Amino acid sequence: MRHHVPSPHPARYTSGVGMIRSSRGSTVGRLVVALAGAAAACGEADPTPAPSPGMTQPVRVRFEATLGGAPFACTRAVQPVGTTTTTGRPLDLRLYVHDVRLVRADATEAPVTLEQDGAWQYQDVALLDFEDATGTCSNGTPETHTEVSGTVAAGTYVGLRFRVGVPFALNHVNPAELPPPLDVSTLFWSWQGGFKFIRFELATNGLPRGFALHLGSTGCDGTDMGGVTTCAQPNRPELVLPAFDASTQRVRLDMSALLSRSNLDVSTGAPGCMSGVSDPECWVLLPALGLALGERPADPLAWVTAVP
């Protein structure tokens, strides 16, 4: 809505018009129009007002997950997946996200204040759940959740940034004392290790019981009973979409792209990557997520994209 901005010199213009009106009648209207046009040319035209401080607007960031070029589904086997082009049968896909921010054209950020819905979002954390406990997904729940909702400072935004994981302050506490969605036992390791930020599991030809990606913090001090102050591998990757419009686009998580460098038919030790520095399967997957692992630098794959 545009608001009229009065001239910065109302007394002067009023006086001038009054004198002209008394002597020139019909010429006055044309002169007033000319003066208004000159004012506009000098930057005195009505501007589009900036949002008032404190104003907010609702926002929904919608997500989708794909595997083998198709939507993630617990009832569908897909091929090819990984370096051996194996057949994959989904077992689970859930992940925590936090620190969600929209980005303005000048690169400044506006944090999204999450809706506290009592089920999927708590404080700054949201659980995205793509499994529905059907087919080969036996460890989950029938309910799914594929969006982050809340409010953000009123304005126009061009990009999106967020982090995978649970913030440190919530990650190393007793989950029995936490509300949903941080009360899911299958997404928790221990007080020392904290939560599984990503739980993605896939049965393959070579590993019919499943190849797993369980991302979480490792190398933490303290004990399984708490007292954690730091972790050598926090493992909370930041994901960035420079061009993203929440009103028209979704965030796509392409799990096949993430697995494209991995052999999913074999595993050394634990079946897949459990976020350990000495785990060979993690040497490929964690850098692909954008995380440095020991002396191995981050080498992120384009597995997160914006789609209509």
C-alpha atoms as a PDB file:
ATOM      1  CA  MET A   1       0.000   0.000   0.000  1.00  0.00           C
ATOM      2  CA  ARG A   2       1.389   3.281  -1.045  1.00  0.00           C
ATOM      3  CA  HIS A   3       1.094   6.310   1.302  1.00  0.00           C
ATOM      4  CA  HIS A   4       1.109   9.914   0.164  1.00  0.00           C
ATOM      5  CA  VAL A   5       4.158  11.831   1.339  1.00  0.00           C
ATOM      6  CA  PRO A   6       3.430  15.581   1.708  1.00  0.00           C
ATOM      7  CA  SER A   7       5.779  18.092   0.204  1.00  0.00           C
ATOM      8  CA  PRO A   8       8.594  19.154   2.531  1.00  0.00           C
ATOM      9  CA  HIS A   9       7.668  22.846   1.850  1.00  0.00           C
ATOM     10  CA  PRO A  10       3.849  23.065   2.054  1.00  0.00           C
ATOM     11  CA  ALA A  11       3.702  26.737   3.075  1.00  0.00           C
ATOM     12  CA  ARG A  12       5.781  27.927   0.141  1.00  0.00           C
ATOM     13  CA  TYR A  13       3.836  25.977  -2.494  1.00  0.00           C
ATOM     14  CA  THR A  14       0.509  27.029  -1.015  1.00  0.00           C
ATOM     15  CA  SER A  15       1.501  30.668  -1.071  1.00  0.00           C
ATOM     16  CA  GLY A  16       2.720  30.534  -4.660  1.00  0.00           C
ATOM     17  CA  VAL A  17      -0.370  28.785  -5.952  1.00  0.00           C
ATOM     18  CA  GLY A  18      -2.597  31.255  -4.170  1.00  0.00           C
ATOM     19  CA  MET A  19      -0.995  34.240  -5.907  1.00  0.00           C
ATOM     20  CA  ILE A  20      -1.110  32.600  -9.329  1.00  0.00           C
ATOM     21  CA  ARG A  21      -4.725  31.522  -8.867  1.00  0.00           C
ATOM     22  CA  SER A  22      -5.790  35.142  -8.333  1.00  0.00           C
ATOM     23  CA  SER A  23      -4.312  36.320 -11.618  1.00  0.00           C
ATOM     24  CA  ARG A  24      -4.135  33.355 -14.013  1.00  0.00           C
ATOM     25  CA  GLY A  25      -7.082  31.059 -13.241  1.00  0.00           C
ATOM     26  CA  SER A  26      -6.818  28.090 -15.687  1.00  0.00           C
ATOM     27  CA  THR A  27      -3.031  28.190 -15.850  1.00  0.00           C
ATOM     28  CA  VAL A  28      -2.791  27.256 -12.203  1.00  0.00           C
ATOM     29  CA  GLY A  29      -3.843  23.615 -12.666  1.00  0.00           C
ATOM     30  CA  ARG A  30      -1.117  23.058 -15.260  1.00  0.00           C
ATOM     31  CA  LEU A  31       1.489  24.694 -13.030  1.00  0.00           C
ATOM     32  CA  VAL A  32       0.511  22.591 -10.033  1.00  0.00           C
ATOM     33  CA  VAL A  33       0.886  19.439 -12.130  1.00  0.00           C
ATOM     34  CA  ALA A  34       4.267  20.624 -13.351  1.00  0.00           C
ATOM     35  CA  LEU A  35       5.407  21.324  -9.811  1.00  0.00           C
ATOM     36  CA  ALA A  36       4.280  17.846  -8.707  1.00  0.00           C
ATOM     37  CA  GLY A  37       6.172  16.262 -11.582  1.00  0.00           C
ATOM     38  CA  ALA A  38       9.310  18.229 -10.700  1.00  0.00           C
ATOM     39  CA  ALA A  39       9.013  17.091  -7.084  1.00  0.00           C
ATOM     40  CA  ALA A  40       8.740  13.489  -8.190  1.00  0.00           C
ATOM     41  CA  ALA A  41      11.791  13.860 -10.428  1.00  0.00           C
ATOM     42  CA  CYS A  42      13.711  15.224  -7.445  1.00  0.00           C
ATOM     43  CA  GLY A  43      13.012  12.160  -5.361  1.00  0.00           C
ATOM     44  CA  GLU A  44       9.927  13.483  -3.565  1.00  0.00           C
ATOM     45  CA  ALA A  45       7.567  10.889  -5.104  1.00  0.00           C
ATOM     46  CA  ASP A  46       5.662   8.460  -2.901  1.00  0.00           C
ATOM     47  CA  PRO A  47       8.087   5.649  -1.945  1.00  0.00           C
ATOM     48  CA  THR A  48       7.011   2.079  -1.191  1.00  0.00           C
ATOM     49  CA  PRO A  49       7.218   2.061   2.584  1.00  0.00           C
ATOM     50  CA  ALA A  50       9.619  -0.348   4.259  1.00  0.00           C
ATOM     51  CA  PRO A  51       8.097  -2.789   6.741  1.00  0.00           C
ATOM     52  CA  SER A  52       7.844  -1.314  10.223  1.00  0.00           C
ATOM     53  CA  PRO A  53      10.292  -2.726  12.764  1.00  0.00           C
ATOM     54  CA  GLY A  54       8.765  -5.691  14.553  1.00  0.00           C
ATOM     55  CA  MET A  55       6.401  -6.635  11.725  1.00  0.00           C
ATOM     56  CA  THR A  56       6.442 -10.331  10.806  1.00  0.00           C
ATOM     57  CA  GLN A  57       5.008 -12.568   8.118  1.00  0.00           C
ATOM     58  CA  PRO A  58       4.247 -16.296   8.098  1.00  0.00           C
ATOM     59  CA  VAL A  59       6.564 -18.641   6.229  1.00  0.00           C
ATOM     60  CA  ARG A  60       6.498 -22.316   5.257  1.00  0.00           C
ATOM     61  CA  VAL A  61       9.639 -24.021   3.972  1.00  0.00           C
ATOM     62  CA  ARG A  62       8.504 -27.214   2.267  1.00  0.00           C
ATOM     63  CA  PHE A  63      10.770 -30.218   1.735  1.00  0.00           C
ATOM     64  CA  GLU A  64      10.677 -33.309  -0.437  1.00  0.00           C
ATOM     65  CA  ALA A  65      13.018 -36.303  -0.604  1.00  0.00           C
ATOM     66  CA  THR A  66      13.835 -38.353  -3.673  1.00  0.00           C
ATOM     67  CA  LEU A  67      15.646 -41.633  -4.259  1.00  0.00           C
ATOM     68  CA  GLY A  68      16.517 -42.990  -7.684  1.00  0.00           C
ATOM     69  CA  GLY A  69      14.795 -40.033  -9.338  1.00  0.00           C
ATOM     70  CA  ALA A  70      11.443 -40.795  -7.667  1.00  0.00           C
ATOM     71  CA  PRO A  71       9.811 -39.557  -4.468  1.00  0.00           C
ATOM     72  CA  PHE A  72      11.083 -41.373  -1.382  1.00  0.00           C
ATOM     73  CA  ALA A  73       8.617 -44.178  -0.612  1.00  0.00           C
ATOM     74  CA  CYS A  74       8.824 -47.098   1.781  1.00  0.00           C
ATOM     75  CA  THR A  75       6.996 -49.325  -0.706  1.00  0.00           C
ATOM     76  CA  ARG A  76       9.223 -48.731  -3.735  1.00  0.00           C
ATOM     77  CA  ALA A  77      12.573 -50.331  -4.616  1.00  0.00           C
ATOM     78  CA  VAL A  78      14.788 -48.132  -6.788  1.00  0.00           C
ATOM     79  CA  GLN A  79      17.781 -48.667  -9.074  1.00  0.00           C
ATOM     80  CA  PRO A  80      20.502 -47.623  -9.705  1.00  0.00           C
ATOM     81  CA  VAL A  81      21.944 -46.338  -6.438  1.00  0.00           C
ATOM     82  CA  GLY A  82      25.599 -45.782  -5.503  1.00  0.00           C
ATOM     83  CA  THR A  83      28.762 -46.716  -7.366  1.00  0.00           C
ATOM     84  CA  THR A  84      27.654 -50.333  -7.905  1.00  0.00           C
ATOM     85  CA  THR A  85      24.249 -49.281  -9.301  1.00  0.00           C
ATOM     86  CA  THR A  86      22.630 -51.530  -6.713  1.00  0.00           C
ATOM     87  CA  THR A  87      18.924 -51.798  -6.003  1.00  0.00           C
ATOM     88  CA  GLY A  88      17.846 -49.870  -2.919  1.00  0.00           C
ATOM     89  CA  ARG A  89      14.854 -50.586  -0.688  1.00  0.00           C
ATOM     90  CA  PRO A  90      14.169 -47.695   1.717  1.00  0.00           C
ATOM     91  CA  LEU A  91      14.118 -48.471   5.445  1.00  0.00           C
ATOM     92  CA  ASP A  92      14.116 -45.022   7.047  1.00  0.00           C
ATOM     93  CA  LEU A  93      14.623 -41.311   6.361  1.00  0.00           C
ATOM     94  CA  ARG A  94      14.341 -38.762   9.161  1.00  0.00           C
ATOM     95  CA  LEU A  95      16.448 -35.729   9.992  1.00  0.00           C
ATOM     96  CA  TYR A  96      16.555 -32.799  12.382  1.00  0.00           C
ATOM     97  CA  VAL A  97      17.111 -29.251  11.107  1.00  0.00           C
ATOM     98  CA  HIS A  98      17.639 -25.983  12.996  1.00  0.00           C
ATOM     99  CA  ASP A  99      18.909 -22.417  12.569  1.00  0.00           C
ATOM    100  CA  VAL A 100      16.614 -21.794   9.590  1.00  0.00           C
ATOM    101  CA  ARG A 101      17.181 -18.396   7.975  1.00  0.00           C
ATOM    102  CA  LEU A 102      15.849 -16.568   4.947  1.00  0.00           C
ATOM    103  CA  VAL A 103      18.314 -14.415   3.016  1.00  0.00           C
ATOM    104  CA  ARG A 104      17.729 -10.963   1.563  1.00  0.00           C
ATOM    105  CA  ALA A 105      19.171  -9.661  -1.701  1.00  0.00           C
ATOM    106  CA  ASP A 106      21.910  -7.838   0.243  1.00  0.00           C
ATOM    107  CA  ALA A 107      22.966 -11.182   1.840  1.00  0.00           C
ATOM    108  CA  THR A 108      21.658 -10.291   5.293  1.00  0.00           C
ATOM    109  CA  GLU A 109      19.734 -13.010   7.112  1.00  0.00           C
ATOM    110  CA  ALA A 110      16.424 -13.141   8.950  1.00  0.00           C
ATOM    111  CA  PRO A 111      15.931 -16.063  11.350  1.00  0.00           C
ATOM    112  CA  VAL A 112      12.720 -18.042  11.143  1.00  0.00           C
ATOM    113  CA  THR A 113      10.932 -18.279  14.483  1.00  0.00           C
ATOM    114  CA  LEU A 114       9.460 -21.759  14.483  1.00  0.00           C
ATOM    115  CA  GLU A 115       5.861 -22.444  15.364  1.00  0.00           C
ATOM    116  CA  GLN A 116       5.765 -24.376  18.632  1.00  0.00           C
ATOM    117  CA  ASP A 117       3.319 -27.067  17.542  1.00  0.00           C
ATOM    118  CA  GLY A 118       3.907 -29.577  20.330  1.00  0.00           C
ATOM    119  CA  ALA A 119       4.703 -32.358  17.870  1.00  0.00           C
ATOM    120  CA  TRP A 120       7.319 -31.620  15.202  1.00  0.00           C
ATOM    121  CA  GLN A 121       8.948 -28.339  16.258  1.00  0.00           C
ATOM    122  CA  TYR A 122      10.495 -27.310  19.559  1.00  0.00           C
ATOM    123  CA  GLN A 123      12.440 -24.116  20.158  1.00  0.00           C
ATOM    124  CA  ASP A 124      14.713 -23.816  17.088  1.00  0.00           C
ATOM    125  CA  VAL A 125      14.538 -27.497  16.041  1.00  0.00           C
ATOM    126  CA  ALA A 126      12.257 -29.260  13.556  1.00  0.00           C
ATOM    127  CA  LEU A 127      12.045 -32.952  12.688  1.00  0.00           C
ATOM    128  CA  LEU A 128      11.521 -33.859   9.032  1.00  0.00           C
ATOM    129  CA  ASP A 129      10.078 -37.371   8.670  1.00  0.00           C
ATOM    130  CA  PHE A 130       9.674 -38.931   5.228  1.00  0.00           C
ATOM    131  CA  GLU A 131       8.998 -42.557   6.250  1.00  0.00           C
ATOM    132  CA  ASP A 132       5.452 -43.690   7.026  1.00  0.00           C
ATOM    133  CA  ALA A 133       5.948 -47.122   8.655  1.00  0.00           C
ATOM    134  CA  THR A 134       4.700 -48.929   5.555  1.00  0.00           C
ATOM    135  CA  GLY A 135       6.479 -51.410   3.312  1.00  0.00           C
ATOM    136  CA  THR A 136      10.098 -51.881   4.389  1.00  0.00           C
ATOM    137  CA  CYS A 137      10.066 -49.001   6.914  1.00  0.00           C
ATOM    138  CA  SER A 138       9.446 -50.773  10.225  1.00  0.00           C
ATOM    139  CA  ASN A 139      11.155 -48.442  12.730  1.00  0.00           C
ATOM    140  CA  GLY A 140       9.112 -45.322  12.179  1.00  0.00           C
ATOM    141  CA  THR A 141       5.607 -43.970  12.584  1.00  0.00           C
ATOM    142  CA  PRO A 142       2.637 -43.566  10.234  1.00  0.00           C
ATOM    143  CA  GLU A 143       2.793 -39.769  10.575  1.00  0.00           C
ATOM    144  CA  THR A 144       5.076 -37.784   8.283  1.00  0.00           C
ATOM    145  CA  HIS A 145       6.262 -34.182   8.433  1.00  0.00           C
ATOM    146  CA  THR A 146       7.851 -32.427   5.468  1.00  0.00           C
ATOM    147  CA  GLU A 147       7.893 -28.711   6.217  1.00  0.00           C
ATOM    148  CA  VAL A 148       9.188 -26.083   8.612  1.00  0.00           C
ATOM    149  CA  SER A 149       6.669 -23.410   9.581  1.00  0.00           C
ATOM    150  CA  GLY A 150       6.916 -20.194  11.538  1.00  0.00           C
ATOM    151  CA  THR A 151       7.296 -16.448  11.154  1.00  0.00           C
ATOM    152  CA  VAL A 152      10.027 -14.177   9.834  1.00  0.00           C
ATOM    153  CA  ALA A 153      10.615 -10.426   9.744  1.00  0.00           C
ATOM    154  CA  ALA A 154       8.431  -8.848   7.070  1.00  0.00           C
ATOM    155  CA  GLY A 155      10.305  -8.354   3.825  1.00  0.00           C
ATOM    156  CA  THR A 156      11.410  -9.870   0.541  1.00  0.00           C
ATOM    157  CA  TYR A 157      13.805 -12.809   0.482  1.00  0.00           C
ATOM    158  CA  VAL A 158      15.851 -14.516  -2.215  1.00  0.00           C
ATOM    159  CA  GLY A 159      17.630 -17.428  -0.482  1.00  0.00           C
ATOM    160  CA  LEU A 160      17.606 -19.988   2.318  1.00  0.00           C
ATOM    161  CA  ARG A 161      20.148 -21.285   4.836  1.00  0.00           C
ATOM    162  CA  PHE A 162      19.715 -23.917   7.527  1.00  0.00           C
ATOM    163  CA  ARG A 163      21.689 -26.484   9.499  1.00  0.00           C
ATOM    164  CA  VAL A 164      21.188 -30.202   9.859  1.00  0.00           C
ATOM    165  CA  GLY A 165      21.225 -31.422  13.451  1.00  0.00           C
ATOM    166  CA  VAL A 166      20.221 -30.525  16.999  1.00  0.00           C
ATOM    167  CA  PRO A 167      21.889 -27.541  18.708  1.00  0.00           C
ATOM    168  CA  PHE A 168      24.512 -28.406  21.303  1.00  0.00           C
ATOM    169  CA  ALA A 169      22.395 -27.110  24.201  1.00  0.00           C
ATOM    170  CA  LEU A 170      19.679 -29.678  23.437  1.00  0.00           C
ATOM    171  CA  ASN A 171      21.853 -32.471  22.115  1.00  0.00           C
ATOM    172  CA  HIS A 172      23.419 -33.848  25.291  1.00  0.00           C
ATOM    173  CA  VAL A 173      20.547 -34.093  27.754  1.00  0.00           C
ATOM    174  CA  ASN A 174      18.172 -36.806  28.866  1.00  0.00           C
ATOM    175  CA  PRO A 175      15.604 -37.180  26.036  1.00  0.00           C
ATOM    176  CA  ALA A 176      13.047 -38.411  28.582  1.00  0.00           C
ATOM    177  CA  GLU A 177      12.960 -34.825  29.854  1.00  0.00           C
ATOM    178  CA  LEU A 178      12.434 -33.280  26.413  1.00  0.00           C
ATOM    179  CA  PRO A 179       9.154 -32.710  24.548  1.00  0.00           C
ATOM    180  CA  PRO A 180       8.447 -33.801  20.963  1.00  0.00           C
ATOM    181  CA  PRO A 181      10.119 -34.051  18.554  1.00  0.00           C
ATOM    182  CA  LEU A 182      13.177 -34.664  20.770  1.00  0.00           C
ATOM    183  CA  ASP A 183      11.618 -37.635  22.555  1.00  0.00           C
ATOM    184  CA  VAL A 184      12.087 -40.187  19.754  1.00  0.00           C
ATOM    185  CA  SER A 185      14.174 -43.047  21.155  1.00  0.00           C
ATOM    186  CA  THR A 186      15.153 -44.390  17.713  1.00  0.00           C
ATOM    187  CA  LEU A 187      16.826 -41.051  16.950  1.00  0.00           C
ATOM    188  CA  PHE A 188      18.969 -40.938  20.081  1.00  0.00           C
ATOM    189  CA  TRP A 189      22.367 -42.511  20.785  1.00  0.00           C
ATOM    190  CA  SER A 190      23.253 -41.508  24.328  1.00  0.00           C
ATOM    191  CA  TRP A 191      23.723 -38.416  26.476  1.00  0.00           C
ATOM    192  CA  GLN A 192      27.332 -38.359  25.346  1.00  0.00           C
ATOM    193  CA  GLY A 193      26.717 -38.767  21.638  1.00  0.00           C
ATOM    194  CA  GLY A 194      23.322 -37.074  21.544  1.00  0.00           C
ATOM    195  CA  PHE A 195      20.855 -37.407  18.701  1.00  0.00           C
ATOM    196  CA  LYS A 196      21.101 -38.966  15.281  1.00  0.00           C
ATOM    197  CA  PHE A 197      20.804 -35.841  13.169  1.00  0.00           C
ATOM    198  CA  ILE A 198      20.116 -37.942  10.076  1.00  0.00           C
ATOM    199  CA  ARG A 199      18.797 -41.479  10.115  1.00  0.00           C
ATOM    200  CA  PHE A 200      18.797 -42.801   6.562  1.00  0.00           C
ATOM    201  CA  GLU A 201      18.794 -46.530   5.922  1.00  0.00           C
ATOM    202  CA  LEU A 202      18.628 -48.493   2.707  1.00  0.00           C
ATOM    203  CA  ALA A 203      18.617 -52.252   2.118  1.00  0.00           C
ATOM    204  CA  THR A 204      20.762 -53.162  -0.912  1.00  0.00           C
ATOM    205  CA  ASN A 205      21.735 -56.253  -2.874  1.00  0.00           C
ATOM    206  CA  GLY A 206      24.985 -56.632  -0.964  1.00  0.00           C
ATOM    207  CA  LEU A 207      23.645 -55.477   2.428  1.00  0.00           C
ATOM    208  CA  PRO A 208      20.078 -56.771   2.666  1.00  0.00           C
ATOM    209  CA  ARG A 209      19.863 -55.767   6.341  1.00  0.00           C
ATOM    210  CA  GLY A 210      20.675 -52.221   5.399  1.00  0.00           C
ATOM    211  CA  PHE A 211      23.345 -49.612   4.639  1.00  0.00           C
ATOM    212  CA  ALA A 212      22.925 -46.787   7.141  1.00  0.00           C
ATOM    213  CA  LEU A 213      23.862 -43.150   7.362  1.00  0.00           C
ATOM    214  CA  HIS A 214      23.549 -42.097  10.986  1.00  0.00           C
ATOM    215  CA  LEU A 215      24.904 -38.575  11.284  1.00  0.00           C
ATOM    216  CA  GLY A 216      25.619 -37.215  14.748  1.00  0.00           C
ATOM    217  CA  SER A 217      28.301 -35.650  16.917  1.00  0.00           C
ATOM    218  CA  THR A 218      31.316 -37.811  17.736  1.00  0.00           C
ATOM    219  CA  GLY A 219      34.467 -37.500  19.830  1.00  0.00           C
ATOM    220  CA  CYS A 220      32.495 -35.895  22.669  1.00  0.00           C
ATOM    221  CA  ASP A 221      33.889 -35.572  26.183  1.00  0.00           C
ATOM    222  CA  GLY A 222      31.865 -36.388  29.289  1.00  0.00           C
ATOM    223  CA  THR A 223      30.120 -39.741  29.705  1.00  0.00           C
ATOM    224  CA  ASP A 224      26.924 -41.500  28.710  1.00  0.00           C
ATOM    225  CA  MET A 225      25.391 -39.868  31.789  1.00  0.00           C
ATOM    226  CA  GLY A 226      26.156 -36.336  30.644  1.00  0.00           C
ATOM    227  CA  GLY A 227      28.791 -33.713  31.438  1.00  0.00           C
ATOM    228  CA  VAL A 228      29.541 -33.056  27.744  1.00  0.00           C
ATOM    229  CA  THR A 229      31.221 -29.714  27.041  1.00  0.00           C
ATOM    230  CA  THR A 230      32.619 -30.225  23.527  1.00  0.00           C
ATOM    231  CA  CYS A 231      32.754 -32.660  20.601  1.00  0.00           C
ATOM    232  CA  ALA A 232      35.670 -33.159  18.220  1.00  0.00           C
ATOM    233  CA  GLN A 233      33.245 -33.708  15.303  1.00  0.00           C
ATOM    234  CA  PRO A 234      30.072 -31.660  15.868  1.00  0.00           C
ATOM    235  CA  ASN A 235      28.801 -32.713  12.417  1.00  0.00           C
ATOM    236  CA  ARG A 236      26.157 -30.040  11.845  1.00  0.00           C
ATOM    237  CA  PRO A 237      26.455 -29.135   8.152  1.00  0.00           C
ATOM    238  CA  GLU A 238      25.064 -25.840   6.908  1.00  0.00           C
ATOM    239  CA  LEU A 239      23.057 -26.104   3.698  1.00  0.00           C
ATOM    240  CA  VAL A 240      22.663 -23.039   1.484  1.00  0.00           C
ATOM    241  CA  LEU A 241      20.286 -22.294  -1.387  1.00  0.00           C
ATOM    242  CA  PRO A 242      21.337 -18.903  -2.858  1.00  0.00           C
ATOM    243  CA  ALA A 243      18.151 -18.731  -4.938  1.00  0.00           C
ATOM    244  CA  PHE A 244      15.018 -19.840  -3.137  1.00  0.00           C
ATOM    245  CA  ASP A 245      11.435 -18.569  -2.969  1.00  0.00           C
ATOM    246  CA  ALA A 246       9.476 -20.220  -0.163  1.00  0.00           C
ATOM    247  CA  SER A 247       6.148 -19.227  -1.727  1.00  0.00           C
ATOM    248  CA  THR A 248       6.762 -21.133  -4.979  1.00  0.00           C
ATOM    249  CA  GLN A 249       9.587 -23.636  -4.362  1.00  0.00           C
ATOM    250  CA  ARG A 250      10.446 -26.684  -2.279  1.00  0.00           C
ATOM    251  CA  VAL A 251      13.751 -27.909  -0.899  1.00  0.00           C
ATOM    252  CA  ARG A 252      14.613 -31.217  -2.551  1.00  0.00           C
ATOM    253  CA  LEU A 253      16.846 -33.713  -0.730  1.00  0.00           C
ATOM    254  CA  ASP A 254      18.238 -35.964  -3.457  1.00  0.00           C
ATOM    255  CA  MET A 255      19.481 -39.004  -1.551  1.00  0.00           C
ATOM    256  CA  SER A 256      20.815 -40.710  -4.693  1.00  0.00           C
ATOM    257  CA  ALA A 257      23.030 -37.681  -5.355  1.00  0.00           C
ATOM    258  CA  LEU A 258      24.332 -37.849  -1.785  1.00  0.00           C
ATOM    259  CA  LEU A 259      25.138 -41.561  -2.212  1.00  0.00           C
ATOM    260  CA  SER A 260      26.611 -41.275  -5.709  1.00  0.00           C
ATOM    261  CA  ARG A 261      30.236 -41.779  -4.534  1.00  0.00           C
ATOM    262  CA  SER A 262      29.447 -44.605  -2.100  1.00  0.00           C
ATOM    263  CA  ASN A 263      29.567 -48.392  -2.523  1.00  0.00           C
ATOM    264  CA  LEU A 264      26.361 -49.433  -0.803  1.00  0.00           C
ATOM    265  CA  ASP A 265      26.909 -53.177  -1.185  1.00  0.00           C
ATOM    266  CA  VAL A 266      29.846 -53.500   1.225  1.00  0.00           C
ATOM    267  CA  SER A 267      30.760 -52.098   4.616  1.00  0.00           C
ATOM    268  CA  THR A 268      33.744 -52.292   6.927  1.00  0.00           C
ATOM    269  CA  GLY A 269      32.612 -52.827  10.521  1.00  0.00           C
ATOM    270  CA  ALA A 270      29.251 -51.186  11.160  1.00  0.00           C
ATOM    271  CA  PRO A 271      26.878 -51.381   8.167  1.00  0.00           C
ATOM    272  CA  GLY A 272      27.357 -47.955   6.640  1.00  0.00           C
ATOM    273  CA  CYS A 273      28.492 -44.661   8.202  1.00  0.00           C
ATOM    274  CA  MET A 274      27.993 -44.029  11.911  1.00  0.00           C
ATOM    275  CA  SER A 275      29.883 -40.696  11.813  1.00  0.00           C
ATOM    276  CA  GLY A 276      33.160 -42.155  13.091  1.00  0.00           C
ATOM    277  CA  VAL A 277      36.457 -40.645  11.960  1.00  0.00           C
ATOM    278  CA  SER A 278      37.906 -44.122  11.420  1.00  0.00           C
ATOM    279  CA  ASP A 279      34.887 -45.416   9.481  1.00  0.00           C
ATOM    280  CA  PRO A 280      35.835 -45.827   5.778  1.00  0.00           C
ATOM    281  CA  GLU A 281      32.241 -45.346   4.623  1.00  0.00           C
ATOM    282  CA  CYS A 282      32.191 -41.973   6.414  1.00  0.00           C
ATOM    283  CA  TRP A 283      35.337 -40.893   4.576  1.00  0.00           C
ATOM    284  CA  VAL A 284      33.104 -40.517   1.509  1.00  0.00           C
ATOM    285  CA  LEU A 285      29.738 -39.554   2.964  1.00  0.00           C
ATOM    286  CA  LEU A 286      30.671 -36.872   5.487  1.00  0.00           C
ATOM    287  CA  PRO A 287      32.709 -34.764   3.029  1.00  0.00           C
ATOM    288  CA  ALA A 288      29.797 -35.172   0.581  1.00  0.00           C
ATOM    289  CA  LEU A 289      27.552 -33.615   3.239  1.00  0.00           C
ATOM    290  CA  GLY A 290      29.930 -30.658   3.427  1.00  0.00           C
ATOM    291  CA  LEU A 291      31.820 -31.749   6.551  1.00  0.00           C
ATOM    292  CA  ALA A 292      35.553 -32.009   7.013  1.00  0.00           C
ATOM    293  CA  LEU A 293      36.524 -35.354   8.546  1.00  0.00           C
ATOM    294  CA  GLY A 294      39.917 -35.395  10.232  1.00  0.00           C
ATOM    295  CA  GLU A 295      42.381 -34.457   7.513  1.00  0.00           C
ATOM    296  CA  ARG A 296      39.799 -34.998   4.766  1.00  0.00           C
ATOM    297  CA  PRO A 297      38.364 -31.659   3.585  1.00  0.00           C
ATOM    298  CA  ALA A 298      34.706 -31.050   2.883  1.00  0.00           C
ATOM    299  CA  ASP A 299      33.778 -31.924  -0.701  1.00  0.00           C
ATOM    300  CA  PRO A 300      30.024 -31.280  -0.821  1.00  0.00           C
ATOM    301  CA  LEU A 301      27.753 -32.771  -3.433  1.00  0.00           C
ATOM    302  CA  ALA A 302      24.747 -30.908  -4.831  1.00  0.00           C
ATOM    303  CA  TRP A 303      22.176 -33.074  -3.075  1.00  0.00           C
ATOM    304  CA  VAL A 304      20.046 -30.166  -1.836  1.00  0.00           C
ATOM    305  CA  THR A 305      18.336 -28.083  -4.518  1.00  0.00           C
ATOM    306  CA  ALA A 306      15.367 -25.753  -4.961  1.00  0.00           C
ATOM    307  CA  VAL A 307      12.524 -27.079  -7.160  1.00  0.00           C
ATOM    308  CA  PRO A 308       9.057 -25.788  -8.100  1.00  0.00           C
END
